[in-house]
Amino acid sequence: MQLRTASNPEAIPGVSHALMIFSICGLTSTSQLNRRQYMRQSVMLTGLSSPIFEEAIALVYEIKEMFRRSVVDGVIEEWIPSAFQEHLSIDVGNRYFTPCQYALQDRQIAFSASIDPDNILSEAMGDQSVHVKDNHVEYYEACKENGGMK
């Protein structure tokens, strides 16, 4: 399977066995500004119990264990994989905005038109938050082409 991004339509090889389920915040107007600091985009990855994905879950546990040995006890939160219809999954999320006091002003970037076509997020950002490179997320799409996946 090869995946492509909206910003790079060329295929990206090597990513397989993942079902992506996108969940984007349900903000429909700027009237919900008090929620903006919690607004995030997230994705759930699952391999539908494939051996490769199960191995990836085991490796995440190993990485977590390496970090746990490097820090004071009790500092690292326990990681537990999620589930999608009884299949192990990994939830990953990212905030749309960063508070201004934690961001370098010169790193602010605009939302892409595919993410914010009606400028709702741009307007909701206000003057206390910014959208920076660390908030940017690439979206991938798997496409069937010539009998295979691209």
Protein backbone atom coordinates (compact mmCIF):
# COMPACT_ATOMS: atom_id res chain seq x y z
CA MET A 1 0.00 0.00 0.00
CA GLN A 2 1.21 3.49 -0.75
CA LEU A 3 -0.27 6.62 0.78
CA ARG A 4 -0.32 10.17 -0.49
CA THR A 5 -0.87 13.52 1.20
CA ALA A 6 -2.96 16.49 0.17
CA SER A 7 0.18 18.63 0.00
CA ASN A 8 2.23 15.95 -1.77
CA PRO A 9 0.15 13.94 -4.24
CA GLU A 10 3.05 11.61 -5.02
CA ALA A 11 2.74 8.18 -3.41
CA ILE A 12 4.63 7.48 -0.21
CA PRO A 13 5.72 3.80 -0.04
CA GLY A 14 6.07 1.65 3.04
CA VAL A 15 3.00 2.43 5.13
CA SER A 16 0.61 -0.48 5.38
CA HIS A 17 -1.90 -2.31 7.57
CA ALA A 18 -3.51 0.78 9.03
CA LEU A 19 -7.09 1.85 9.06
CA MET A 20 -7.37 5.54 9.79
CA ILE A 21 -10.47 7.03 11.31
CA PHE A 22 -10.38 10.81 11.48
CA SER A 23 -12.20 12.79 14.10
CA ILE A 24 -12.05 16.53 13.71
CA CYS A 25 -13.52 18.82 16.32
CA GLY A 26 -17.16 19.68 15.70
CA LEU A 27 -16.67 23.45 15.79
CA THR A 28 -19.20 24.98 13.44
CA SER A 29 -19.09 28.62 14.44
CA THR A 30 -16.94 31.08 16.33
CA SER A 31 -19.55 31.13 19.12
CA GLN A 32 -17.73 28.27 20.83
CA LEU A 33 -14.55 30.25 21.46
CA ASN A 34 -14.25 29.18 25.10
CA ARG A 35 -13.55 25.63 23.85
CA ARG A 36 -10.73 26.60 21.48
CA GLN A 37 -7.91 25.68 23.85
CA TYR A 38 -9.19 22.08 23.87
CA MET A 39 -9.85 21.76 20.15
CA ARG A 40 -7.85 18.99 18.55
CA GLN A 41 -7.65 16.71 15.59
CA SER A 42 -7.12 13.03 16.15
CA VAL A 43 -6.80 9.73 14.38
CA MET A 44 -7.24 6.14 15.46
CA LEU A 45 -4.90 3.61 13.86
CA THR A 46 -5.68 -0.08 13.84
CA GLY A 47 -4.30 -3.04 11.96
CA LEU A 48 -7.50 -5.06 12.53
CA SER A 49 -5.47 -7.61 14.53
CA SER A 50 -2.88 -8.11 11.79
CA PRO A 51 0.42 -9.60 13.03
CA ILE A 52 2.40 -6.56 11.84
CA PHE A 53 0.23 -4.14 13.82
CA GLU A 54 0.30 -6.38 16.90
CA GLU A 55 4.10 -6.28 16.67
CA ALA A 56 3.96 -2.49 16.44
CA ILE A 57 1.89 -2.37 19.65
CA ALA A 58 4.50 -4.56 21.37
CA LEU A 59 7.24 -2.17 20.21
CA VAL A 60 5.35 0.82 21.62
CA TYR A 61 5.31 -0.98 24.99
CA GLU A 62 9.09 -1.52 24.70
CA ILE A 63 9.68 2.16 23.92
CA LYS A 64 7.51 3.18 26.87
CA GLU A 65 9.54 0.86 29.10
CA MET A 66 12.82 2.43 27.92
CA PHE A 67 11.48 5.88 28.84
CA ARG A 68 10.19 4.61 32.20
CA ARG A 69 13.67 3.38 33.14
CA SER A 70 15.12 6.83 32.32
CA VAL A 71 12.90 8.94 34.56
CA VAL A 72 11.84 9.12 38.19
CA ASP A 73 9.21 6.53 39.16
CA GLY A 74 5.64 7.71 38.83
CA VAL A 75 6.40 10.46 36.31
CA ILE A 76 5.37 8.57 33.16
CA GLU A 77 1.70 7.90 32.71
CA GLU A 78 0.76 4.30 31.94
CA TRP A 79 0.04 3.78 28.22
CA ILE A 80 -2.73 1.42 27.24
CA PRO A 81 -3.76 0.89 23.61
CA SER A 82 -7.34 1.69 22.63
CA ALA A 83 -9.72 -0.70 20.92
CA PHE A 84 -11.69 -0.52 17.70
CA GLN A 85 -14.31 -3.28 17.45
CA GLU A 86 -12.19 -5.59 19.65
CA HIS A 87 -8.99 -4.84 17.68
CA LEU A 88 -6.10 -3.04 19.35
CA SER A 89 -5.63 0.52 18.15
CA ILE A 90 -3.48 3.59 18.78
CA ASP A 91 -5.05 7.02 19.28
CA VAL A 92 -2.95 10.00 18.26
CA GLY A 93 -4.05 13.62 18.58
CA ASN A 94 -2.76 17.12 18.19
CA ARG A 95 -4.14 20.51 19.21
CA TYR A 96 -5.10 23.03 16.56
CA PHE A 97 -3.68 25.94 18.56
CA THR A 98 -0.76 26.75 20.85
CA PRO A 99 -1.06 29.49 23.49
CA CYS A 100 0.99 32.53 22.41
CA GLN A 101 3.19 32.42 25.50
CA TYR A 102 4.46 28.95 24.48
CA ALA A 103 5.08 29.70 20.80
CA LEU A 104 7.67 31.62 18.86
CA GLN A 105 5.73 34.24 16.90
CA ASP A 106 7.82 33.78 13.75
CA ARG A 107 6.77 30.12 13.55
CA GLN A 108 3.07 30.86 13.09
CA ILE A 109 1.61 29.27 9.95
CA ALA A 110 -1.74 29.54 8.18
CA PHE A 111 -4.28 26.72 8.10
CA SER A 112 -4.45 25.01 4.72
CA ALA A 113 -7.65 25.48 2.74
CA SER A 114 -8.35 21.74 2.98
CA ILE A 115 -8.41 21.92 6.79
CA ASP A 116 -10.17 25.26 7.24
CA PRO A 117 -12.04 26.07 4.00
CA ASP A 118 -14.48 28.47 5.70
CA ASN A 119 -11.86 30.13 7.99
CA ILE A 120 -13.72 28.99 11.11
CA LEU A 121 -10.53 27.79 12.80
CA SER A 122 -8.60 30.89 11.74
CA GLU A 123 -11.30 33.12 13.23
CA ALA A 124 -11.62 30.99 16.38
CA MET A 125 -7.89 31.25 17.07
CA GLY A 126 -8.30 34.74 18.52
CA ASP A 127 -5.34 36.74 19.79
CA GLN A 128 -4.33 34.41 22.66
CA SER A 129 -3.43 31.43 20.45
CA VAL A 130 -1.47 30.69 17.29
CA HIS A 131 -1.31 27.83 14.80
CA VAL A 132 2.35 26.76 14.49
CA LYS A 133 4.23 24.03 12.64
CA ASP A 134 3.91 21.74 15.68
CA ASN A 135 0.10 21.94 15.32
CA HIS A 136 0.19 21.08 11.60
CA VAL A 137 -0.93 17.60 10.59
CA GLU A 138 -0.61 15.90 7.20
CA TYR A 139 -3.61 13.88 6.04
CA TYR A 140 -3.13 10.68 4.05
CA GLU A 141 -5.46 8.83 1.74
CA ALA A 142 -5.17 5.27 0.43
CA CYS A 143 -6.40 4.87 -3.15
CA LYS A 144 -7.01 1.81 -5.28
CA GLU A 145 -5.27 2.12 -8.59
CA ASN A 146 -4.73 -0.50 -11.30
CA GLY A 147 -5.87 -3.30 -9.01
CA GLY A 148 -3.50 -2.33 -6.20
CA MET A 149 -3.35 0.19 -3.40
CA LYS A 150 -1.68 3.56 -3.82
